[in-house]
Amino acid sequence: MVSVLQVYTALKDLANKEQKGFITPQVFNSFAALAQMNIYNEIFSELVDAKRISRQNFDPGRDKSIRKQKEEDLSYFIATESITVSNGFAEKPSDLSKIISMSVSESSTSIDIVYDVEKMDRIADSELSAPSESFPVALVSPLDIEVFPINTTAIKLRYYAKPTSFDKDGDIDPNPPYYDYNVFSYTGEDVETFNSANSRDFMLPPHYLTEVVMEMAKLIGVRLRDQQVSVFATQEEASE
């Protein structure tokens, strides 16, 4: 996981504005989740590029394979959950981002996944491919999952979870402040100290530390109208 303290400290050093108080914990926390989501989406995009490179036989292969590295990075977000189905409907997990696979919990029968309502209607009306216990189908909508046949009682869903954060014990917290702190007075001035108990690390592999810092710098630089910080972060990211 990427240390929130390292990211926060690096950003303050990068901007060199500790005394002016521009990069406050409040500003940092307002952009942390967005920065992490941007990197998360970028990993998926890089995986698509890596697959194209692999098809063109330009991928180094083995442990240096770009495709393998991106798939390993995305494995951080893979989750599996058993979901109760009631009258043919199952509630989506709150952290669901992208579905990988779906199966019937009792029989482990793979469920065909459909996202188009009209296609689902054609499947349901077909004499050849109508859903059955041996050929279950699920319609995924923005709100829920509709499973056919409706006598299915539970499904096992494997999916990519939305990136959240880890606390000091490694437990996932869906609603963090990422960086938390205590304030005490020293020689008449307020001093900020890191509160590790209530802070949360980023749900990203450790080697994404630099990318998190640069993504945060771009976002904060735009907010503070500090072109120097934003441009520096963009240039550093492009040079990688």
Protein backbone atom coordinates (compact mmCIF):
# COMPACT_ATOMS: atom_id res chain seq x y z
CA MET A 1 0.00 0.00 0.00
CA VAL A 2 1.10 3.60 -0.59
CA SER A 3 1.87 5.49 2.63
CA VAL A 4 -0.32 8.55 3.11
CA LEU A 5 2.39 10.15 5.28
CA GLN A 6 5.00 9.78 2.53
CA VAL A 7 2.66 11.29 -0.04
CA TYR A 8 1.69 14.22 2.20
CA THR A 9 5.29 14.95 3.18
CA ALA A 10 6.48 14.77 -0.43
CA LEU A 11 3.77 17.18 -1.54
CA LYS A 12 4.69 19.72 1.12
CA ASP A 13 8.35 19.46 0.13
CA LEU A 14 7.47 19.76 -3.55
CA ALA A 15 5.43 22.90 -3.09
CA ASN A 16 7.83 24.28 -0.47
CA LYS A 17 4.98 26.17 1.16
CA GLU A 18 4.87 24.73 4.65
CA GLN A 19 4.95 28.16 6.31
CA LYS A 20 2.21 29.53 4.09
CA GLY A 21 -0.07 26.60 4.88
CA PHE A 22 -1.31 26.11 1.32
CA ILE A 23 -1.25 22.31 1.33
CA THR A 24 -3.34 21.72 4.43
CA PRO A 25 -4.68 18.33 5.52
CA GLN A 26 -8.14 19.51 4.44
CA VAL A 27 -6.94 20.31 0.92
CA PHE A 28 -4.99 17.05 0.78
CA ASN A 29 -7.98 14.94 1.83
CA SER A 30 -10.29 16.67 -0.64
CA PHE A 31 -8.15 15.38 -3.55
CA ALA A 32 -6.84 12.05 -2.21
CA ALA A 33 -9.77 9.88 -3.30
CA LEU A 34 -9.93 11.53 -6.73
CA ALA A 35 -6.19 11.10 -7.31
CA GLN A 36 -6.40 7.43 -6.37
CA MET A 37 -9.39 6.86 -8.67
CA ASN A 38 -7.55 8.54 -11.56
CA ILE A 39 -4.59 6.19 -11.12
CA TYR A 40 -6.91 3.19 -10.76
CA ASN A 41 -8.58 4.01 -14.09
CA GLU A 42 -5.19 4.61 -15.67
CA ILE A 43 -4.06 1.08 -14.75
CA PHE A 44 -6.97 -0.34 -16.76
CA SER A 45 -6.02 1.86 -19.72
CA GLU A 46 -2.39 0.77 -19.46
CA LEU A 47 -3.51 -2.87 -19.42
CA VAL A 48 -5.31 -2.36 -22.74
CA ASP A 49 -2.12 -0.83 -24.18
CA ALA A 50 -0.06 -3.70 -22.75
CA LYS A 51 -2.30 -6.28 -24.44
CA ARG A 52 -1.84 -4.49 -27.76
CA ILE A 53 1.93 -4.48 -27.29
CA SER A 54 1.82 -8.18 -26.46
CA ARG A 55 -0.10 -8.97 -29.67
CA GLN A 56 2.56 -7.08 -31.62
CA ASN A 57 5.27 -9.24 -29.97
CA PHE A 58 6.93 -6.23 -28.33
CA ASP A 59 6.30 -7.33 -24.76
CA PRO A 60 9.50 -8.37 -22.91
CA GLY A 61 7.74 -11.39 -21.42
CA ARG A 62 8.14 -13.35 -18.18
CA ASP A 63 8.69 -11.20 -15.08
CA LYS A 64 9.29 -8.10 -17.23
CA SER A 65 6.00 -8.43 -19.07
CA ILE A 66 4.10 -5.14 -18.97
CA ARG A 67 0.80 -6.99 -19.23
CA LYS A 68 1.72 -9.25 -16.31
CA GLN A 69 2.73 -6.25 -14.19
CA LYS A 70 -0.57 -4.44 -14.79
CA GLU A 71 -2.59 -7.58 -14.05
CA GLU A 72 -0.66 -7.99 -10.79
CA ASP A 73 -1.39 -4.37 -9.89
CA LEU A 74 -5.11 -4.85 -10.55
CA SER A 75 -5.14 -7.99 -8.39
CA TYR A 76 -5.06 -5.60 -5.39
CA PHE A 77 -8.66 -4.74 -6.16
CA ILE A 78 -10.14 -8.20 -6.85
CA ALA A 79 -12.91 -9.13 -4.41
CA THR A 80 -15.30 -12.08 -4.13
CA GLU A 81 -18.69 -11.89 -2.47
CA SER A 82 -21.65 -14.22 -2.05
CA ILE A 83 -24.91 -12.32 -2.64
CA THR A 84 -28.44 -13.38 -1.77
CA VAL A 85 -30.93 -13.36 -4.65
CA SER A 86 -34.55 -12.51 -3.80
CA ASN A 87 -37.26 -12.95 -6.44
CA GLY A 88 -34.62 -12.86 -9.12
CA PHE A 89 -32.92 -9.67 -7.90
CA ALA A 90 -29.51 -9.26 -6.23
CA GLU A 91 -28.12 -6.07 -4.75
CA LYS A 92 -24.79 -4.86 -6.08
CA PRO A 93 -21.90 -4.56 -3.58
CA SER A 94 -21.36 -0.93 -2.60
CA ASP A 95 -17.71 -1.06 -3.71
CA LEU A 96 -18.39 -2.71 -7.09
CA SER A 97 -16.40 -1.20 -9.96
CA LYS A 98 -16.17 -3.83 -12.71
CA ILE A 99 -17.55 -7.37 -12.77
CA ILE A 100 -15.10 -10.18 -13.57
CA SER A 101 -17.35 -13.23 -13.34
CA MET A 102 -20.53 -14.55 -11.80
CA SER A 103 -21.72 -18.02 -10.84
CA VAL A 104 -24.51 -19.78 -8.94
CA SER A 105 -23.35 -20.26 -5.35
CA GLU A 106 -24.79 -23.77 -4.85
CA SER A 107 -23.73 -25.37 -8.12
CA SER A 108 -20.84 -23.10 -9.21
CA THR A 109 -22.51 -22.93 -12.62
CA SER A 110 -21.16 -20.00 -14.57
CA ILE A 111 -23.69 -17.23 -15.24
CA ASP A 112 -23.71 -15.48 -18.59
CA ILE A 113 -23.63 -11.69 -18.06
CA VAL A 114 -25.73 -9.31 -20.17
CA TYR A 115 -25.80 -5.50 -19.97
CA ASP A 116 -28.34 -4.77 -22.70
CA VAL A 117 -32.07 -4.97 -21.82
CA GLU A 118 -33.13 -5.72 -25.39
CA LYS A 119 -30.60 -8.52 -25.68
CA MET A 120 -31.89 -9.95 -22.40
CA ASP A 121 -35.45 -9.84 -23.74
CA ARG A 122 -34.38 -11.77 -26.85
CA ILE A 123 -32.61 -14.39 -24.73
CA ALA A 124 -35.63 -14.76 -22.44
CA ASP A 125 -38.02 -15.22 -25.40
CA SER A 126 -35.78 -17.61 -27.30
CA GLU A 127 -36.76 -21.29 -27.48
CA LEU A 128 -33.12 -22.27 -27.89
CA SER A 129 -31.28 -20.05 -25.41
CA ALA A 130 -33.85 -19.26 -22.72
CA PRO A 131 -32.27 -19.13 -19.21
CA SER A 132 -32.33 -22.37 -17.23
CA GLU A 133 -30.55 -23.91 -14.24
CA SER A 134 -27.84 -25.20 -16.57
CA PHE A 135 -27.72 -21.93 -18.52
CA PRO A 136 -28.35 -19.04 -16.08
CA VAL A 137 -28.19 -15.46 -17.28
CA ALA A 138 -27.85 -12.18 -15.36
CA LEU A 139 -28.87 -8.72 -16.51
CA VAL A 140 -26.65 -6.07 -14.91
CA SER A 141 -28.31 -2.68 -14.55
CA PRO A 142 -27.09 0.51 -12.85
CA LEU A 143 -29.04 -0.34 -9.67
CA ASP A 144 -29.03 -4.12 -9.29
CA ILE A 145 -28.49 -7.55 -10.87
CA GLU A 146 -31.47 -9.49 -12.22
CA VAL A 147 -30.84 -13.24 -12.34
CA PHE A 148 -32.64 -15.79 -14.54
CA PRO A 149 -34.10 -18.24 -13.74
CA ILE A 150 -35.63 -16.44 -10.77
CA ASN A 151 -35.44 -19.49 -8.49
CA THR A 152 -31.70 -18.86 -8.07
CA THR A 153 -31.15 -18.11 -4.37
CA ALA A 154 -27.55 -16.90 -4.25
CA ILE A 155 -24.72 -15.93 -6.58
CA LYS A 156 -20.95 -15.65 -6.18
CA LEU A 157 -19.64 -12.44 -7.65
CA ARG A 158 -15.98 -11.82 -8.45
CA TYR A 159 -15.23 -8.21 -9.26
CA TYR A 160 -12.83 -5.29 -9.17
CA ALA A 161 -13.58 -3.15 -6.13
CA LYS A 162 -13.41 0.62 -6.11
CA PRO A 163 -10.17 1.80 -4.52
CA THR A 164 -10.62 2.86 -0.91
CA SER A 165 -7.95 2.86 1.81
CA PHE A 166 -6.18 0.81 4.48
CA ASP A 167 -5.93 1.65 8.17
CA LYS A 168 -2.89 0.91 10.33
CA ASP A 169 -3.99 -2.74 10.79
CA GLY A 170 -4.49 -3.31 7.06
CA ASP A 171 -8.30 -3.21 7.26
CA ILE A 172 -10.20 -1.51 4.44
CA ASP A 173 -12.04 1.68 5.33
CA PRO A 174 -14.57 2.95 2.74
CA ASN A 175 -14.93 6.42 4.29
CA PRO A 176 -11.54 7.71 5.41
CA PRO A 177 -9.95 10.88 6.06
CA TYR A 178 -6.70 9.82 4.40
CA TYR A 179 -4.47 12.14 6.43
CA ASP A 180 -5.38 12.88 10.05
CA TYR A 181 -3.39 14.95 12.50
CA ASN A 182 -3.16 16.36 16.02
CA VAL A 183 -2.30 19.95 16.90
CA PHE A 184 -0.43 21.09 19.99
CA SER A 185 1.02 24.42 20.98
CA TYR A 186 4.79 24.82 21.08
CA THR A 187 6.38 28.15 22.09
CA GLY A 188 3.15 29.92 21.28
CA GLU A 189 2.67 28.36 17.83
CA ASP A 190 0.41 25.52 16.72
CA VAL A 191 2.35 22.47 15.56
CA GLU A 192 0.81 19.73 13.40
CA THR A 193 1.70 16.08 14.14
CA PHE A 194 0.72 13.02 12.14
CA ASN A 195 -2.02 10.85 13.71
CA SER A 196 -1.29 7.34 12.46
CA ALA A 197 -4.22 5.80 14.36
CA ASN A 198 -6.85 7.68 12.35
CA SER A 199 -5.03 8.05 9.02
CA ARG A 200 -5.48 5.73 6.04
CA ASP A 201 -3.02 4.58 3.40
CA PHE A 202 -3.86 4.44 -0.29
CA MET A 203 -5.18 1.16 -1.66
CA LEU A 204 -2.46 0.96 -4.31
CA PRO A 205 0.72 -1.14 -4.64
CA PRO A 206 3.72 0.55 -2.97
CA HIS A 207 5.51 1.27 -6.26
CA TYR A 208 2.75 3.74 -7.17
CA LEU A 209 4.02 6.20 -4.55
CA THR A 210 5.53 8.57 -7.13
CA GLU A 211 2.43 8.43 -9.31
CA VAL A 212 0.18 9.32 -6.36
CA VAL A 213 2.42 12.26 -5.44
CA MET A 214 2.43 13.56 -9.03
CA GLU A 215 -1.31 13.10 -9.49
CA MET A 216 -1.99 14.91 -6.22
CA ALA A 217 0.43 17.67 -7.25
CA LYS A 218 -1.41 18.20 -10.53
CA LEU A 219 -4.78 18.45 -8.81
CA ILE A 220 -3.58 20.67 -5.97
CA GLY A 221 -1.56 22.85 -8.33
CA VAL A 222 -4.68 23.56 -10.36
CA ARG A 223 -6.72 24.32 -7.24
CA LEU A 224 -4.12 26.68 -5.81
CA ARG A 225 -3.53 28.23 -9.23
CA ASP A 226 0.09 27.31 -8.75
CA GLN A 227 1.19 26.64 -12.31
CA GLN A 228 4.73 25.75 -11.28
CA VAL A 229 3.61 22.79 -9.15
CA SER A 230 1.12 21.55 -11.74
CA VAL A 231 3.55 21.84 -14.67
CA PHE A 232 6.36 20.16 -12.72
CA ALA A 233 4.13 17.21 -11.85
CA THR A 234 2.95 16.85 -15.45
CA GLN A 235 6.52 16.94 -16.79
CA GLU A 236 7.75 14.42 -14.25
CA GLU A 237 4.90 12.07 -15.09
CA ALA A 238 5.55 12.39 -18.84
CA SER A 239 9.25 11.62 -18.39
CA GLU A 240 8.57 8.23 -16.80
